[in-house]
């Protein structure tokens, strides 16, 4: 059983979107001479790469997560013991 609902639909839609943008990118670099549009396309591919790296990094970090009880937490400064703050001269 997978933890992601409708995984095949999510992967398929993502793949379709990336392939569609790849086709648009080929058109921009093959048949247009608009420098601003080319810069936008390059920037978008850079964003895709950053997103992919962030996803990979997050996925590898998520594998280290452990199931179980959370660690105990101790309140150091409760409402009855506020932290003293000195005034600035």
C-alpha atoms as a PDB file:
ATOM      1  CA  UNK A   1       0.000   0.000   0.000  1.00  0.00           C
ATOM      2  CA  UNK A   2       1.326   3.420  -0.931  1.00  0.00           C
ATOM      3  CA  UNK A   3       1.205   6.440   1.356  1.00  0.00           C
ATOM      4  CA  UNK A   4       0.584   8.865  -1.523  1.00  0.00           C
ATOM      5  CA  UNK A   5      -3.001   8.796  -2.769  1.00  0.00           C
ATOM      6  CA  UNK A   6      -3.371   8.512  -6.558  1.00  0.00           C
ATOM      7  CA  UNK A   7       0.399   8.203  -7.084  1.00  0.00           C
ATOM      8  CA  UNK A   8       0.076   7.181 -10.742  1.00  0.00           C
ATOM      9  CA  UNK A   9      -2.050  10.238 -11.528  1.00  0.00           C
ATOM     10  CA  UNK A  10       0.378  12.585  -9.747  1.00  0.00           C
ATOM     11  CA  UNK A  11       3.420  11.128 -11.516  1.00  0.00           C
ATOM     12  CA  UNK A  12       1.646  11.066 -14.884  1.00  0.00           C
ATOM     13  CA  UNK A  13       0.453  14.670 -14.620  1.00  0.00           C
ATOM     14  CA  UNK A  14       3.913  15.824 -13.515  1.00  0.00           C
ATOM     15  CA  UNK A  15       5.587  13.989 -16.376  1.00  0.00           C
ATOM     16  CA  UNK A  16       3.100  15.424 -18.848  1.00  0.00           C
ATOM     17  CA  UNK A  17       3.725  18.950 -17.545  1.00  0.00           C
ATOM     18  CA  UNK A  18       7.527  18.615 -17.786  1.00  0.00           C
ATOM     19  CA  UNK A  19       7.327  17.101 -21.290  1.00  0.00           C
ATOM     20  CA  UNK A  20       4.962  19.871 -22.364  1.00  0.00           C
ATOM     21  CA  UNK A  21       7.345  22.515 -21.073  1.00  0.00           C
ATOM     22  CA  UNK A  22      10.221  20.735 -22.788  1.00  0.00           C
ATOM     23  CA  UNK A  23       8.315  21.001 -26.088  1.00  0.00           C
ATOM     24  CA  UNK A  24       7.688  24.684 -25.447  1.00  0.00           C
ATOM     25  CA  UNK A  25      11.398  25.158 -24.672  1.00  0.00           C
ATOM     26  CA  UNK A  26      12.381  23.513 -27.954  1.00  0.00           C
ATOM     27  CA  UNK A  27      10.045  25.870 -29.792  1.00  0.00           C
ATOM     28  CA  UNK A  28      11.437  28.929 -27.972  1.00  0.00           C
ATOM     29  CA  UNK A  29      15.082  28.076 -28.692  1.00  0.00           C
ATOM     30  CA  UNK A  30      14.450  26.678 -32.173  1.00  0.00           C
ATOM     31  CA  UNK A  31      12.083  29.166 -33.747  1.00  0.00           C
ATOM     32  CA  UNK A  32      12.094  32.432 -31.799  1.00  0.00           C
ATOM     33  CA  UNK A  33      14.690  35.113 -31.255  1.00  0.00           C
ATOM     34  CA  UNK A  34      13.121  36.770 -28.196  1.00  0.00           C
ATOM     35  CA  UNK A  35      15.885  37.127 -25.601  1.00  0.00           C
ATOM     36  CA  UNK A  36      13.468  37.813 -22.734  1.00  0.00           C
ATOM     37  CA  UNK A  37      11.452  34.675 -23.476  1.00  0.00           C
ATOM     38  CA  UNK A  38      14.629  32.603 -23.714  1.00  0.00           C
ATOM     39  CA  UNK A  39      15.778  33.981 -20.352  1.00  0.00           C
ATOM     40  CA  UNK A  40      12.449  33.060 -18.789  1.00  0.00           C
ATOM     41  CA  UNK A  41      12.711  29.518 -20.119  1.00  0.00           C
ATOM     42  CA  UNK A  42      16.269  29.119 -18.806  1.00  0.00           C
ATOM     43  CA  UNK A  43      15.178  30.491 -15.415  1.00  0.00           C
ATOM     44  CA  UNK A  44      12.288  28.046 -15.258  1.00  0.00           C
ATOM     45  CA  UNK A  45      14.565  25.083 -15.999  1.00  0.00           C
ATOM     46  CA  UNK A  46      16.906  26.305 -13.264  1.00  0.00           C
ATOM     47  CA  UNK A  47      13.936  26.382 -10.891  1.00  0.00           C
ATOM     48  CA  UNK A  48      13.008  22.832 -11.921  1.00  0.00           C
ATOM     49  CA  UNK A  49      16.567  21.704 -11.143  1.00  0.00           C
ATOM     50  CA  UNK A  50      16.506  23.422  -7.747  1.00  0.00           C
ATOM     51  CA  UNK A  51      13.149  21.848  -6.956  1.00  0.00           C
ATOM     52  CA  UNK A  52      14.395  18.394  -7.962  1.00  0.00           C
ATOM     53  CA  UNK A  53      17.482  18.768  -5.771  1.00  0.00           C
ATOM     54  CA  UNK A  54      15.380  19.967  -2.838  1.00  0.00           C
ATOM     55  CA  UNK A  55      12.988  17.047  -3.288  1.00  0.00           C
ATOM     56  CA  UNK A  56      15.902  14.594  -3.383  1.00  0.00           C
ATOM     57  CA  UNK A  57      17.429  16.159  -0.276  1.00  0.00           C
ATOM     58  CA  UNK A  58      14.128  16.109   1.593  1.00  0.00           C
ATOM     59  CA  UNK A  59      13.415  12.537   0.564  1.00  0.00           C
ATOM     60  CA  UNK A  60      16.795  11.332   1.747  1.00  0.00           C
ATOM     61  CA  UNK A  61      16.326  13.153   5.054  1.00  0.00           C
ATOM     62  CA  UNK A  62      12.836  11.759   5.479  1.00  0.00           C
ATOM     63  CA  UNK A  63      14.242   8.240   5.385  1.00  0.00           C
ATOM     64  CA  UNK A  64      15.961   8.957   8.680  1.00  0.00           C
ATOM     65  CA  UNK A  65      12.689   9.763  10.460  1.00  0.00           C
ATOM     66  CA  UNK A  66      11.649   7.321  13.135  1.00  0.00           C
ATOM     67  CA  UNK A  67       8.207   6.216  14.106  1.00  0.00           C
ATOM     68  CA  UNK A  68       7.394   6.190  17.780  1.00  0.00           C
ATOM     69  CA  UNK A  69       6.835   8.469  20.688  1.00  0.00           C
ATOM     70  CA  UNK A  70       8.147  12.040  20.530  1.00  0.00           C
ATOM     71  CA  UNK A  71      11.068  12.983  22.746  1.00  0.00           C
ATOM     72  CA  UNK A  72      10.122  14.388  26.156  1.00  0.00           C
ATOM     73  CA  UNK A  73      10.050  18.160  26.370  1.00  0.00           C
ATOM     74  CA  UNK A  74      10.977  20.162  29.466  1.00  0.00           C
ATOM     75  CA  UNK A  75       9.784  23.735  29.882  1.00  0.00           C
ATOM     76  CA  UNK A  76      12.758  25.781  31.065  1.00  0.00           C
ATOM     77  CA  UNK A  77      11.088  29.149  31.584  1.00  0.00           C
ATOM     78  CA  UNK A  78       7.421  28.705  32.331  1.00  0.00           C
ATOM     79  CA  UNK A  79       4.871  31.483  32.864  1.00  0.00           C
ATOM     80  CA  UNK A  80       5.928  31.832  36.505  1.00  0.00           C
ATOM     81  CA  UNK A  81       9.644  32.262  35.667  1.00  0.00           C
ATOM     82  CA  UNK A  82      10.050  34.784  32.824  1.00  0.00           C
ATOM     83  CA  UNK A  83      13.458  35.499  31.342  1.00  0.00           C
ATOM     84  CA  UNK A  84      14.876  38.771  32.730  1.00  0.00           C
ATOM     85  CA  UNK A  85      15.672  41.341  30.051  1.00  0.00           C
ATOM     86  CA  UNK A  86      18.011  44.263  30.614  1.00  0.00           C
ATOM     87  CA  UNK A  87      17.209  47.632  29.118  1.00  0.00           C
ATOM     88  CA  UNK A  88      19.574  49.182  26.575  1.00  0.00           C
ATOM     89  CA  UNK A  89      21.329  52.395  27.735  1.00  0.00           C
END
